Amino acid sequence: MLIRYKKTFEKIAMGLLSFMPNEKDLKKLQVTMREYENDEKWQLFLWKEEDIIGLLGVLNHDDQNTLEIQHVSVNPSHRFQGVGKRMVKALQEMYPGKKIIANDHTASFIEKCDFS
């Protein structure tokens, strides 16, 4: 289930976000987390099964009716099980009128997702 980020999940979210290659540096990671917490266009979602095992970060371009996926991260012990694809599918279901696009960091993953 895709749930919205809350401050109580900060450590879990930072841990998952740190798996992204461009978020390895602690200072960069902290800046990114502040963006998600303070900018209403930046939205962070967590994937919860028994535990929180995934994260999806999007930039909402209301003016273009698109959601740009900026971050996709799955706990390494749950990778290659379709969690990332389920997160993207759940995001589509949450925002049926929005087009989902990728950025440079997520493009290769998003291309693998079946949007049909």
PDB file of N, CA and C in Angstrom:
ATOM      1  N   MET A   1       0.839  -1.169   0.000  1.00  0.00           N
ATOM      2  CA  MET A   1       0.000   0.000   0.000  1.00  0.00           C
ATOM      3  C   MET A   1       0.890   1.240   0.000  1.00  0.00           C
ATOM      4  N   LEU A   2       0.541   2.209  -0.845  1.00  0.00           N
ATOM      5  CA  LEU A   2       1.267   3.461  -0.940  1.00  0.00           C
ATOM      6  C   LEU A   2       0.697   4.441   0.081  1.00  0.00           C
ATOM      7  N   ILE A   3       1.559   4.933   0.967  1.00  0.00           N
ATOM      8  CA  ILE A   3       1.116   5.889   1.982  1.00  0.00           C
ATOM      9  C   ILE A   3       1.943   7.164   1.863  1.00  0.00           C
ATOM     10  N   ARG A   4       1.346   8.274   2.270  1.00  0.00           N
ATOM     11  CA  ARG A   4       2.065   9.550   2.242  1.00  0.00           C
ATOM     12  C   ARG A   4       3.095   9.604   3.368  1.00  0.00           C
ATOM     13  N   TYR A   5       4.199  10.239   3.070  1.00  0.00           N
ATOM     14  CA  TYR A   5       5.261  10.441   4.046  1.00  0.00           C
ATOM     15  C   TYR A   5       4.771  11.324   5.189  1.00  0.00           C
ATOM     16  N   LYS A   6       5.163  10.949   6.396  1.00  0.00           N
ATOM     17  CA  LYS A   6       4.968  11.775   7.584  1.00  0.00           C
ATOM     18  C   LYS A   6       6.323  11.891   8.276  1.00  0.00           C
ATOM     19  N   LYS A   7       6.501  12.948   9.032  1.00  0.00           N
ATOM     20  CA  LYS A   7       7.770  13.213   9.719  1.00  0.00           C
ATOM     21  C   LYS A   7       8.188  12.033  10.610  1.00  0.00           C
ATOM     22  N   THR A   8       7.229  11.284  11.142  1.00  0.00           N
ATOM     23  CA  THR A   8       7.564  10.138  12.003  1.00  0.00           C
ATOM     24  C   THR A   8       8.306   9.042  11.228  1.00  0.00           C
ATOM     25  N   PHE A   9       8.219   9.063   9.895  1.00  0.00           N
ATOM     26  CA  PHE A   9       8.898   8.067   9.059  1.00  0.00           C
ATOM     27  C   PHE A   9      10.232   8.586   8.514  1.00  0.00           C
ATOM     28  N   GLU A  10      10.727   9.699   9.065  1.00  0.00           N
ATOM     29  CA  GLU A  10      11.911  10.351   8.499  1.00  0.00           C
ATOM     30  C   GLU A  10      13.120   9.422   8.397  1.00  0.00           C
ATOM     31  N   LYS A  11      13.450   8.693   9.450  1.00  0.00           N
ATOM     32  CA  LYS A  11      14.642   7.836   9.422  1.00  0.00           C
ATOM     33  C   LYS A  11      14.504   6.721   8.398  1.00  0.00           C
ATOM     34  N   ILE A  12      13.330   6.124   8.316  1.00  0.00           N
ATOM     35  CA  ILE A  12      13.088   5.067   7.332  1.00  0.00           C
ATOM     36  C   ILE A  12      13.204   5.646   5.922  1.00  0.00           C
ATOM     37  N   ALA A  13      12.583   6.806   5.713  1.00  0.00           N
ATOM     38  CA  ALA A  13      12.616   7.442   4.393  1.00  0.00           C
ATOM     39  C   ALA A  13      14.047   7.815   3.999  1.00  0.00           C
ATOM     40  N   MET A  14      14.805   8.354   4.930  1.00  0.00           N
ATOM     41  CA  MET A  14      16.193   8.718   4.631  1.00  0.00           C
ATOM     42  C   MET A  14      17.020   7.479   4.309  1.00  0.00           C
ATOM     43  N   GLY A  15      16.781   6.408   5.034  1.00  0.00           N
ATOM     44  CA  GLY A  15      17.494   5.163   4.752  1.00  0.00           C
ATOM     45  C   GLY A  15      17.205   4.649   3.351  1.00  0.00           C
ATOM     46  N   LEU A  16      15.936   4.643   2.969  1.00  0.00           N
ATOM     47  CA  LEU A  16      15.566   4.183   1.629  1.00  0.00           C
ATOM     48  C   LEU A  16      16.091   5.135   0.556  1.00  0.00           C
ATOM     49  N   LEU A  17      15.985   6.426   0.814  1.00  0.00           N
ATOM     50  CA  LEU A  17      16.443   7.422  -0.152  1.00  0.00           C
ATOM     51  C   LEU A  17      17.953   7.338  -0.358  1.00  0.00           C
ATOM     52  N   SER A  18      18.676   6.944   0.676  1.00  0.00           N
ATOM     53  CA  SER A  18      20.137   6.867   0.572  1.00  0.00           C
ATOM     54  C   SER A  18      20.604   5.766  -0.381  1.00  0.00           C
ATOM     55  N   PHE A  19      19.696   4.860  -0.785  1.00  0.00           N
ATOM     56  CA  PHE A  19      20.055   3.838  -1.778  1.00  0.00           C
ATOM     57  C   PHE A  19      20.145   4.418  -3.187  1.00  0.00           C
ATOM     58  N   MET A  20      19.579   5.617  -3.387  1.00  0.00           N
ATOM     59  CA  MET A  20      19.667   6.270  -4.699  1.00  0.00           C
ATOM     60  C   MET A  20      21.107   6.759  -4.890  1.00  0.00           C
ATOM     61  N   PRO A  21      21.705   6.478  -6.043  1.00  0.00           N
ATOM     62  CA  PRO A  21      23.117   6.863  -6.257  1.00  0.00           C
ATOM     63  C   PRO A  21      23.401   8.346  -6.042  1.00  0.00           C
ATOM     64  N   ASN A  22      22.461   9.214  -6.385  1.00  0.00           N
ATOM     65  CA  ASN A  22      22.701  10.646  -6.247  1.00  0.00           C
ATOM     66  C   ASN A  22      22.352  11.173  -4.855  1.00  0.00           C
ATOM     67  N   GLU A  23      22.007  10.299  -3.921  1.00  0.00           N
ATOM     68  CA  GLU A  23      21.645  10.717  -2.556  1.00  0.00           C
ATOM     69  C   GLU A  23      22.564  10.096  -1.499  1.00  0.00           C
ATOM     70  N   LYS A  24      23.739   9.675  -1.893  1.00  0.00           N
ATOM     71  CA  LYS A  24      24.667   9.021  -0.957  1.00  0.00           C
ATOM     72  C   LYS A  24      25.235   9.989   0.085  1.00  0.00           C
ATOM     73  N   ASP A  25      25.494  11.212  -0.322  1.00  0.00           N
ATOM     74  CA  ASP A  25      26.076  12.215   0.568  1.00  0.00           C
ATOM     75  C   ASP A  25      25.029  12.675   1.590  1.00  0.00           C
ATOM     76  N   LEU A  26      25.377  12.665   2.868  1.00  0.00           N
ATOM     77  CA  LEU A  26      24.436  13.002   3.930  1.00  0.00           C
ATOM     78  C   LEU A  26      23.863  14.410   3.775  1.00  0.00           C
ATOM     79  N   LYS A  27      24.705  15.379   3.446  1.00  0.00           N
ATOM     80  CA  LYS A  27      24.207  16.754   3.292  1.00  0.00           C
ATOM     81  C   LYS A  27      23.208  16.851   2.135  1.00  0.00           C
ATOM     82  N   LYS A  28      23.486  16.201   1.029  1.00  0.00           N
ATOM     83  CA  LYS A  28      22.573  16.184  -0.117  1.00  0.00           C
ATOM     84  C   LYS A  28      21.263  15.507   0.281  1.00  0.00           C
ATOM     85  N   LEU A  29      21.366  14.415   1.000  1.00  0.00           N
ATOM     86  CA  LEU A  29      20.194  13.678   1.463  1.00  0.00           C
ATOM     87  C   LEU A  29      19.322  14.548   2.371  1.00  0.00           C
ATOM     88  N   GLN A  30      19.943  15.286   3.269  1.00  0.00           N
ATOM     89  CA  GLN A  30      19.197  16.164   4.167  1.00  0.00           C
ATOM     90  C   GLN A  30      18.502  17.291   3.401  1.00  0.00           C
ATOM     91  N   VAL A  31      19.153  17.835   2.386  1.00  0.00           N
ATOM     92  CA  VAL A  31      18.543  18.882   1.556  1.00  0.00           C
ATOM     93  C   VAL A  31      17.329  18.307   0.828  1.00  0.00           C
ATOM     94  N   THR A  32      17.466  17.115   0.276  1.00  0.00           N
ATOM     95  CA  THR A  32      16.361  16.468  -0.432  1.00  0.00           C
ATOM     96  C   THR A  32      15.185  16.223   0.507  1.00  0.00           C
ATOM     97  N   MET A  33      15.449  15.755   1.706  1.00  0.00           N
ATOM     98  CA  MET A  33      14.374  15.507   2.669  1.00  0.00           C
ATOM     99  C   MET A  33      13.659  16.816   3.022  1.00  0.00           C
ATOM    100  N   ARG A  34      14.408  17.890   3.187  1.00  0.00           N
ATOM    101  CA  ARG A  34      13.782  19.191   3.474  1.00  0.00           C
ATOM    102  C   ARG A  34      12.872  19.627   2.328  1.00  0.00           C
ATOM    103  N   GLU A  35      13.302  19.376   1.101  1.00  0.00           N
ATOM    104  CA  GLU A  35      12.446  19.709  -0.057  1.00  0.00           C
ATOM    105  C   GLU A  35      11.119  18.954   0.029  1.00  0.00           C
ATOM    106  N   TYR A  36      11.187  17.663   0.316  1.00  0.00           N
ATOM    107  CA  TYR A  36       9.964  16.861   0.413  1.00  0.00           C
ATOM    108  C   TYR A  36       9.078  17.328   1.575  1.00  0.00           C
ATOM    109  N   GLU A  37       9.692  17.789   2.640  1.00  0.00           N
ATOM    110  CA  GLU A  37       8.912  18.216   3.804  1.00  0.00           C
ATOM    111  C   GLU A  37       8.340  19.625   3.655  1.00  0.00           C
ATOM    112  N   ASN A  38       9.004  20.487   2.892  1.00  0.00           N
ATOM    113  CA  ASN A  38       8.624  21.901   2.869  1.00  0.00           C
ATOM    114  C   ASN A  38       7.987  22.391   1.568  1.00  0.00           C
ATOM    115  N   ASP A  39       8.206  21.717   0.468  1.00  0.00           N
ATOM    116  CA  ASP A  39       7.672  22.159  -0.820  1.00  0.00           C
ATOM    117  C   ASP A  39       6.481  21.277  -1.189  1.00  0.00           C
ATOM    118  N   GLU A  40       5.304  21.882  -1.289  1.00  0.00           N
ATOM    119  CA  GLU A  40       4.093  21.095  -1.539  1.00  0.00           C
ATOM    120  C   GLU A  40       4.096  20.414  -2.909  1.00  0.00           C
ATOM    121  N   LYS A  41       4.951  20.864  -3.824  1.00  0.00           N
ATOM    122  CA  LYS A  41       5.037  20.203  -5.136  1.00  0.00           C
ATOM    123  C   LYS A  41       5.856  18.914  -5.061  1.00  0.00           C
ATOM    124  N   TRP A  42       6.708  18.812  -4.064  1.00  0.00           N
ATOM    125  CA  TRP A  42       7.511  17.602  -3.860  1.00  0.00           C
ATOM    126  C   TRP A  42       6.716  16.686  -2.935  1.00  0.00           C
ATOM    127  N   GLN A  43       6.396  15.495  -3.394  1.00  0.00           N
ATOM    128  CA  GLN A  43       5.600  14.564  -2.599  1.00  0.00           C
ATOM    129  C   GLN A  43       6.349  13.249  -2.443  1.00  0.00           C
ATOM    130  N   LEU A  44       6.370  12.766  -1.221  1.00  0.00           N
ATOM    131  CA  LEU A  44       7.071  11.534  -0.905  1.00  0.00           C
ATOM    132  C   LEU A  44       6.060  10.498  -0.446  1.00  0.00           C
ATOM    133  N   PHE A  45       6.179   9.301  -0.998  1.00  0.00           N
ATOM    134  CA  PHE A  45       5.291   8.198  -0.645  1.00  0.00           C
ATOM    135  C   PHE A  45       6.134   7.016  -0.197  1.00  0.00           C
ATOM    136  N   LEU A  46       5.587   6.242   0.718  1.00  0.00           N
ATOM    137  CA  LEU A  46       6.253   5.043   1.211  1.00  0.00           C
ATOM    138  C   LEU A  46       5.395   3.836   0.869  1.00  0.00           C
ATOM    139  N   TRP A  47       6.036   2.713   0.590  1.00  0.00           N
ATOM    140  CA  TRP A  47       5.329   1.479   0.279  1.00  0.00           C
ATOM    141  C   TRP A  47       5.372   0.594   1.516  1.00  0.00           C
ATOM    142  N   LYS A  48       4.186   0.266   2.005  1.00  0.00           N
ATOM    143  CA  LYS A  48       4.097  -0.531   3.228  1.00  0.00           C
ATOM    144  C   LYS A  48       3.431  -1.858   2.936  1.00  0.00           C
ATOM    145  N   GLU A  49       4.109  -2.921   3.326  1.00  0.00           N
ATOM    146  CA  GLU A  49       3.523  -4.254   3.340  1.00  0.00           C
ATOM    147  C   GLU A  49       3.439  -4.595   4.829  1.00  0.00           C
ATOM    148  N   GLU A  50       4.211  -5.531   5.330  1.00  0.00           N
ATOM    149  CA  GLU A  50       4.270  -5.703   6.785  1.00  0.00           C
ATOM    150  C   GLU A  50       5.057  -4.539   7.380  1.00  0.00           C
ATOM    151  N   ASP A  51       6.127  -4.170   6.685  1.00  0.00           N
ATOM    152  CA  ASP A  51       6.976  -3.042   7.056  1.00  0.00           C
ATOM    153  C   ASP A  51       7.050  -2.087   5.871  1.00  0.00           C
ATOM    154  N   ILE A  52       7.659  -0.953   6.089  1.00  0.00           N
ATOM    155  CA  ILE A  52       7.902  -0.023   4.984  1.00  0.00           C
ATOM    156  C   ILE A  52       9.130  -0.525   4.238  1.00  0.00           C
ATOM    157  N   ILE A  53       8.945  -0.831   2.952  1.00  0.00           N
ATOM    158  CA  ILE A  53      10.042  -1.428   2.178  1.00  0.00           C
ATOM    159  C   ILE A  53      10.395  -0.643   0.915  1.00  0.00           C
ATOM    160  N   GLY A  54       9.652   0.423   0.626  1.00  0.00           N
ATOM    161  CA  GLY A  54       9.931   1.166  -0.592  1.00  0.00           C
ATOM    162  C   GLY A  54       9.580   2.630  -0.453  1.00  0.00           C
ATOM    163  N   LEU A  55      10.085   3.411  -1.396  1.00  0.00           N
ATOM    164  CA  LEU A  55       9.881   4.853  -1.382  1.00  0.00           C
ATOM    165  C   LEU A  55       9.737   5.337  -2.821  1.00  0.00           C
ATOM    166  N   LEU A  56       8.850   6.294  -2.994  1.00  0.00           N
ATOM    167  CA  LEU A  56       8.627   6.919  -4.301  1.00  0.00           C
ATOM    168  C   LEU A  56       8.540   8.424  -4.070  1.00  0.00           C
ATOM    169  N   GLY A  57       9.402   9.178  -4.716  1.00  0.00           N
ATOM    170  CA  GLY A  57       9.386  10.630  -4.596  1.00  0.00           C
ATOM    171  C   GLY A  57       9.007  11.260  -5.917  1.00  0.00           C
ATOM    172  N   VAL A  58       8.035  12.159  -5.896  1.00  0.00           N
ATOM    173  CA  VAL A  58       7.562  12.768  -7.138  1.00  0.00           C
ATOM    174  C   VAL A  58       7.545  14.286  -7.032  1.00  0.00           C
ATOM    175  N   LEU A  59       7.659  14.906  -8.187  1.00  0.00           N
ATOM    176  CA  LEU A  59       7.499  16.348  -8.316  1.00  0.00           C
ATOM    177  C   LEU A  59       6.216  16.550  -9.104  1.00  0.00           C
ATOM    178  N   ASN A  60       5.248  17.222  -8.478  1.00  0.00           N
ATOM    179  CA  ASN A  60       3.934  17.420  -9.081  1.00  0.00           C
ATOM    180  C   ASN A  60       3.954  18.696  -9.923  1.00  0.00           C
ATOM    181  N   HIS A  61       3.888  18.518 -11.243  1.00  0.00           N
ATOM    182  CA  HIS A  61       3.827  19.650 -12.169  1.00  0.00           C
ATOM    183  C   HIS A  61       2.356  19.898 -12.490  1.00  0.00           C
ATOM    184  N   ASP A  62       1.656  20.611 -11.608  1.00  0.00           N
ATOM    185  CA  ASP A  62       0.228  20.874 -11.820  1.00  0.00           C
ATOM    186  C   ASP A  62      -0.038  21.566 -13.148  1.00  0.00           C
ATOM    187  N   ASP A  63       0.826  22.504 -13.510  1.00  0.00           N
ATOM    188  CA  ASP A  63       0.626  23.270 -14.741  1.00  0.00           C
ATOM    189  C   ASP A  63       0.733  22.408 -15.996  1.00  0.00           C
ATOM    190  N   GLN A  64       1.435  21.267 -15.903  1.00  0.00           N
ATOM    191  CA  GLN A  64       1.600  20.370 -17.045  1.00  0.00           C
ATOM    192  C   GLN A  64       0.800  19.076 -16.873  1.00  0.00           C
ATOM    193  N   ASN A  65       0.102  18.951 -15.736  1.00  0.00           N
ATOM    194  CA  ASN A  65      -0.682  17.759 -15.421  1.00  0.00           C
ATOM    195  C   ASN A  65       0.185  16.487 -15.433  1.00  0.00           C
ATOM    196  N   THR A  66       1.400  16.603 -14.898  1.00  0.00           N
ATOM    197  CA  THR A  66       2.310  15.463 -14.848  1.00  0.00           C
ATOM    198  C   THR A  66       2.880  15.275 -13.444  1.00  0.00           C
ATOM    199  N   LEU A  67       3.275  14.052 -13.183  1.00  0.00           N
ATOM    200  CA  LEU A  67       4.020  13.697 -11.976  1.00  0.00           C
ATOM    201  C   LEU A  67       5.377  13.188 -12.446  1.00  0.00           C
ATOM    202  N   GLU A  68       6.429  13.865 -12.025  1.00  0.00           N
ATOM    203  CA  GLU A  68       7.782  13.456 -12.394  1.00  0.00           C
ATOM    204  C   GLU A  68       8.366  12.615 -11.269  1.00  0.00           C
ATOM    205  N   ILE A  69       8.650  11.369 -11.577  1.00  0.00           N
ATOM    206  CA  ILE A  69       9.231  10.491 -10.559  1.00  0.00           C
ATOM    207  C   ILE A  69      10.709  10.827 -10.421  1.00  0.00           C
ATOM    208  N   GLN A  70      11.055  11.307  -9.226  1.00  0.00           N
ATOM    209  CA  GLN A  70      12.426  11.736  -8.944  1.00  0.00           C
ATOM    210  C   GLN A  70      13.228  10.659  -8.231  1.00  0.00           C
ATOM    211  N   HIS A  71      12.555   9.890  -7.393  1.00  0.00           N
ATOM    212  CA  HIS A  71      13.229   8.857  -6.604  1.00  0.00           C
ATOM    213  C   HIS A  71      12.376   7.591  -6.562  1.00  0.00           C
ATOM    214  N   VAL A  72      13.016   6.457  -6.767  1.00  0.00           N
ATOM    215  CA  VAL A  72      12.393   5.144  -6.585  1.00  0.00           C
ATOM    216  C   VAL A  72      13.420   4.320  -5.838  1.00  0.00           C
ATOM    217  N   SER A  73      13.021   3.796  -4.699  1.00  0.00           N
ATOM    218  CA  SER A  73      13.959   3.008  -3.911  1.00  0.00           C
ATOM    219  C   SER A  73      13.222   1.882  -3.211  1.00  0.00           C
ATOM    220  N   VAL A  74      13.822   0.701  -3.244  1.00  0.00           N
ATOM    221  CA  VAL A  74      13.266  -0.474  -2.574  1.00  0.00           C
ATOM    222  C   VAL A  74      14.362  -1.075  -1.703  1.00  0.00           C
ATOM    223  N   ASN A  75      13.982  -1.481  -0.515  1.00  0.00           N
ATOM    224  CA  ASN A  75      14.909  -2.156   0.381  1.00  0.00           C
ATOM    225  C   ASN A  75      15.585  -3.293  -0.388  1.00  0.00           C
ATOM    226  N   PRO A  76      16.913  -3.407  -0.314  1.00  0.00           N
ATOM    227  CA  PRO A  76      17.625  -4.426  -1.097  1.00  0.00           C
ATOM    228  C   PRO A  76      17.103  -5.855  -0.907  1.00  0.00           C
ATOM    229  N   SER A  77      16.617  -6.197   0.264  1.00  0.00           N
ATOM    230  CA  SER A  77      16.115  -7.558   0.477  1.00  0.00           C
ATOM    231  C   SER A  77      14.757  -7.798  -0.184  1.00  0.00           C
ATOM    232  N   HIS A  78      14.146  -6.762  -0.737  1.00  0.00           N
ATOM    233  CA  HIS A  78      12.848  -6.902  -1.400  1.00  0.00           C
ATOM    234  C   HIS A  78      12.912  -6.546  -2.885  1.00  0.00           C
ATOM    235  N   ARG A  79      14.110  -6.398  -3.410  1.00  0.00           N
ATOM    236  CA  ARG A  79      14.255  -6.026  -4.821  1.00  0.00           C
ATOM    237  C   ARG A  79      13.974  -7.213  -5.735  1.00  0.00           C
ATOM    238  N   PHE A  80      13.659  -6.905  -6.973  1.00  0.00           N
ATOM    239  CA  PHE A  80      13.374  -7.888  -8.021  1.00  0.00           C
ATOM    240  C   PHE A  80      12.147  -8.730  -7.701  1.00  0.00           C
ATOM    241  N   GLN A  81      11.215  -8.132  -6.969  1.00  0.00           N
ATOM    242  CA  GLN A  81       9.953  -8.799  -6.636  1.00  0.00           C
ATOM    243  C   GLN A  81       8.751  -7.979  -7.117  1.00  0.00           C
ATOM    244  N   GLY A  82       9.004  -6.941  -7.911  1.00  0.00           N
ATOM    245  CA  GLY A  82       7.922  -6.135  -8.465  1.00  0.00           C
ATOM    246  C   GLY A  82       7.430  -5.014  -7.572  1.00  0.00           C
ATOM    247  N   VAL A  83       8.116  -4.743  -6.481  1.00  0.00           N
ATOM    248  CA  VAL A  83       7.678  -3.697  -5.549  1.00  0.00           C
ATOM    249  C   VAL A  83       7.688  -2.329  -6.229  1.00  0.00           C
ATOM    250  N   GLY A  84       8.744  -2.008  -6.931  1.00  0.00           N
ATOM    251  CA  GLY A  84       8.835  -0.714  -7.610  1.00  0.00           C
ATOM    252  C   GLY A  84       7.709  -0.519  -8.610  1.00  0.00           C
ATOM    253  N   LYS A  85       7.422  -1.543  -9.386  1.00  0.00           N
ATOM    254  CA  LYS A  85       6.337  -1.462 -10.366  1.00  0.00           C
ATOM    255  C   LYS A  85       4.987  -1.300  -9.672  1.00  0.00           C
ATOM    256  N   ARG A  86       4.795  -1.990  -8.557  1.00  0.00           N
ATOM    257  CA  ARG A  86       3.534  -1.843  -7.812  1.00  0.00           C
ATOM    258  C   ARG A  86       3.394  -0.429  -7.252  1.00  0.00           C
ATOM    259  N   MET A  87       4.512   0.163  -6.833  1.00  0.00           N
ATOM    260  CA  MET A  87       4.459   1.539  -6.331  1.00  0.00           C
ATOM    261  C   MET A  87       4.030   2.499  -7.442  1.00  0.00           C
ATOM    262  N   VAL A  88       4.610   2.349  -8.613  1.00  0.00           N
ATOM    263  CA  VAL A  88       4.270   3.226  -9.734  1.00  0.00           C
ATOM    264  C   VAL A  88       2.808   3.023 -10.137  1.00  0.00           C
ATOM    265  N   LYS A  89       2.360   1.782 -10.152  1.00  0.00           N
ATOM    266  CA  LYS A  89       0.962   1.487 -10.502  1.00  0.00           C
ATOM    267  C   LYS A  89       0.008   2.120  -9.481  1.00  0.00           C
ATOM    268  N   ALA A  90       0.348   2.013  -8.199  1.00  0.00           N
ATOM    269  CA  ALA A  90      -0.481   2.611  -7.146  1.00  0.00           C
ATOM    270  C   ALA A  90      -0.511   4.132  -7.279  1.00  0.00           C
ATOM    271  N   LEU A  91       0.615   4.727  -7.678  1.00  0.00           N
ATOM    272  CA  LEU A  91       0.659   6.172  -7.893  1.00  0.00           C
ATOM    273  C   LEU A  91      -0.280   6.560  -9.034  1.00  0.00           C
ATOM    274  N   GLN A  92      -0.259   5.777 -10.105  1.00  0.00           N
ATOM    275  CA  GLN A  92      -1.164   6.034 -11.230  1.00  0.00           C
ATOM    276  C   GLN A  92      -2.621   5.966 -10.784  1.00  0.00           C
ATOM    277  N   GLU A  93      -2.935   5.007  -9.930  1.00  0.00           N
ATOM    278  CA  GLU A  93      -4.307   4.856  -9.445  1.00  0.00           C
ATOM    279  C   GLU A  93      -4.705   6.016  -8.539  1.00  0.00           C
ATOM    280  N   MET A  94      -3.749   6.575  -7.786  1.00  0.00           N
ATOM    281  CA  MET A  94      -4.015   7.731  -6.926  1.00  0.00           C
ATOM    282  C   MET A  94      -4.278   8.990  -7.742  1.00  0.00           C
ATOM    283  N   TYR A  95      -3.604   9.101  -8.880  1.00  0.00           N
ATOM    284  CA  TYR A  95      -3.689  10.287  -9.740  1.00  0.00           C
ATOM    285  C   TYR A  95      -4.038   9.864 -11.170  1.00  0.00           C
ATOM    286  N   PRO A  96      -5.265   9.396 -11.395  1.00  0.00           N
ATOM    287  CA  PRO A  96      -5.607   8.846 -12.716  1.00  0.00           C
ATOM    288  C   PRO A  96      -5.529   9.838 -13.867  1.00  0.00           C
ATOM    289  N   GLY A  97      -5.670  11.125 -13.606  1.00  0.00           N
ATOM    290  CA  GLY A  97      -5.628  12.115 -14.680  1.00  0.00           C
ATOM    291  C   GLY A  97      -4.239  12.634 -14.996  1.00  0.00           C
ATOM    292  N   LYS A  98      -3.246  12.197 -14.252  1.00  0.00           N
ATOM    293  CA  LYS A  98      -1.885  12.708 -14.414  1.00  0.00           C
ATOM    294  C   LYS A  98      -1.041  11.758 -15.268  1.00  0.00           C
ATOM    295  N   LYS A  99      -0.162  12.352 -16.041  1.00  0.00           N
ATOM    296  CA  LYS A  99       0.802  11.571 -16.812  1.00  0.00           C
ATOM    297  C   LYS A  99       2.052  11.405 -15.947  1.00  0.00           C
ATOM    298  N   ILE A 100       2.574  10.200 -15.894  1.00  0.00           N
ATOM    299  CA  ILE A 100       3.778   9.935 -15.104  1.00  0.00           C
ATOM    300  C   ILE A 100       4.987   9.970 -16.024  1.00  0.00           C
ATOM    301  N   ILE A 101       5.963  10.794 -15.622  1.00  0.00           N
ATOM    302  CA  ILE A 101       7.206  10.913 -16.384  1.00  0.00           C
ATOM    303  C   ILE A 101       8.381  10.649 -15.449  1.00  0.00           C
ATOM    304  N   ALA A 102       9.540  10.442 -16.032  1.00  0.00           N
ATOM    305  CA  ALA A 102      10.745  10.165 -15.247  1.00  0.00           C
ATOM    306  C   ALA A 102      11.728  11.322 -15.381  1.00  0.00           C
ATOM    307  N   ASN A 103      12.689  11.356 -14.467  1.00  0.00           N
ATOM    308  CA  ASN A 103      13.822  12.269 -14.635  1.00  0.00           C
ATOM    309  C   ASN A 103      15.029  11.428 -15.057  1.00  0.00           C
ATOM    310  N   ASP A 104      16.182  12.041 -15.164  1.00  0.00           N
ATOM    311  CA  ASP A 104      17.373  11.311 -15.616  1.00  0.00           C
ATOM    312  C   ASP A 104      17.735  10.141 -14.701  1.00  0.00           C
ATOM    313  N   HIS A 105      17.460  10.293 -13.412  1.00  0.00           N
ATOM    314  CA  HIS A 105      17.847   9.265 -12.444  1.00  0.00           C
ATOM    315  C   HIS A 105      16.883   8.085 -12.406  1.00  0.00           C
ATOM    316  N   THR A 106      15.646   8.280 -12.848  1.00  0.00           N
ATOM    317  CA  THR A 106      14.644   7.213 -12.759  1.00  0.00           C
ATOM    318  C   THR A 106      14.196   6.690 -14.122  1.00  0.00           C
ATOM    319  N   ALA A 107      14.692   7.288 -15.196  1.00  0.00           N
ATOM    320  CA  ALA A 107      14.220   6.935 -16.538  1.00  0.00           C
ATOM    321  C   ALA A 107      14.402   5.458 -16.870  1.00  0.00           C
ATOM    322  N   SER A 108      15.552   4.881 -16.545  1.00  0.00           N
ATOM    323  CA  SER A 108      15.780   3.481 -16.917  1.00  0.00           C
ATOM    324  C   SER A 108      14.807   2.556 -16.199  1.00  0.00           C
ATOM    325  N   PHE A 109      14.466   2.863 -14.956  1.00  0.00           N
ATOM    326  CA  PHE A 109      13.493   2.027 -14.244  1.00  0.00           C
ATOM    327  C   PHE A 109      12.088   2.224 -14.805  1.00  0.00           C
ATOM    328  N   ILE A 110      11.681   3.469 -15.001  1.00  0.00           N
ATOM    329  CA  ILE A 110      10.333   3.759 -15.454  1.00  0.00           C
ATOM    330  C   ILE A 110      10.066   3.155 -16.835  1.00  0.00           C
ATOM    331  N   GLU A 111      11.082   3.097 -17.685  1.00  0.00           N
ATOM    332  CA  GLU A 111      10.930   2.463 -18.996  1.00  0.00           C
ATOM    333  C   GLU A 111      10.559   0.991 -18.863  1.00  0.00           C
ATOM    334  N   LYS A 112      11.006   0.343 -17.787  1.00  0.00           N
ATOM    335  CA  LYS A 112      10.711  -1.082 -17.574  1.00  0.00           C
ATOM    336  C   LYS A 112       9.274  -1.305 -17.080  1.00  0.00           C
ATOM    337  N   CYS A 113       8.641  -0.266 -16.545  1.00  0.00           N
ATOM    338  CA  CYS A 113       7.280  -0.405 -16.016  1.00  0.00           C
ATOM    339  C   CYS A 113       6.280  -0.431 -17.159  1.00  0.00           C
ATOM    340  N   ASP A 114       5.305  -1.310 -17.025  1.00  0.00           N
ATOM    341  CA  ASP A 114       4.250  -1.424 -18.038  1.00  0.00           C
ATOM    342  C   ASP A 114       3.107  -0.518 -17.648  1.00  0.00           C
ATOM    343  N   PHE A 115       2.884   0.540 -18.414  1.00  0.00           N
ATOM    344  CA  PHE A 115       1.837   1.495 -18.102  1.00  0.00           C
ATOM    345  C   PHE A 115       0.522   1.203 -18.798  1.00  0.00           C
ATOM    346  N   SER A 116       0.405   0.071 -19.449  1.00  0.00           N
ATOM    347  CA  SER A 116      -0.848  -0.217 -20.168  1.00  0.00           C
ATOM    348  C   SER A 116      -1.904  -0.772 -19.255  1.00  0.00           C
TER     349      SER A 116
END
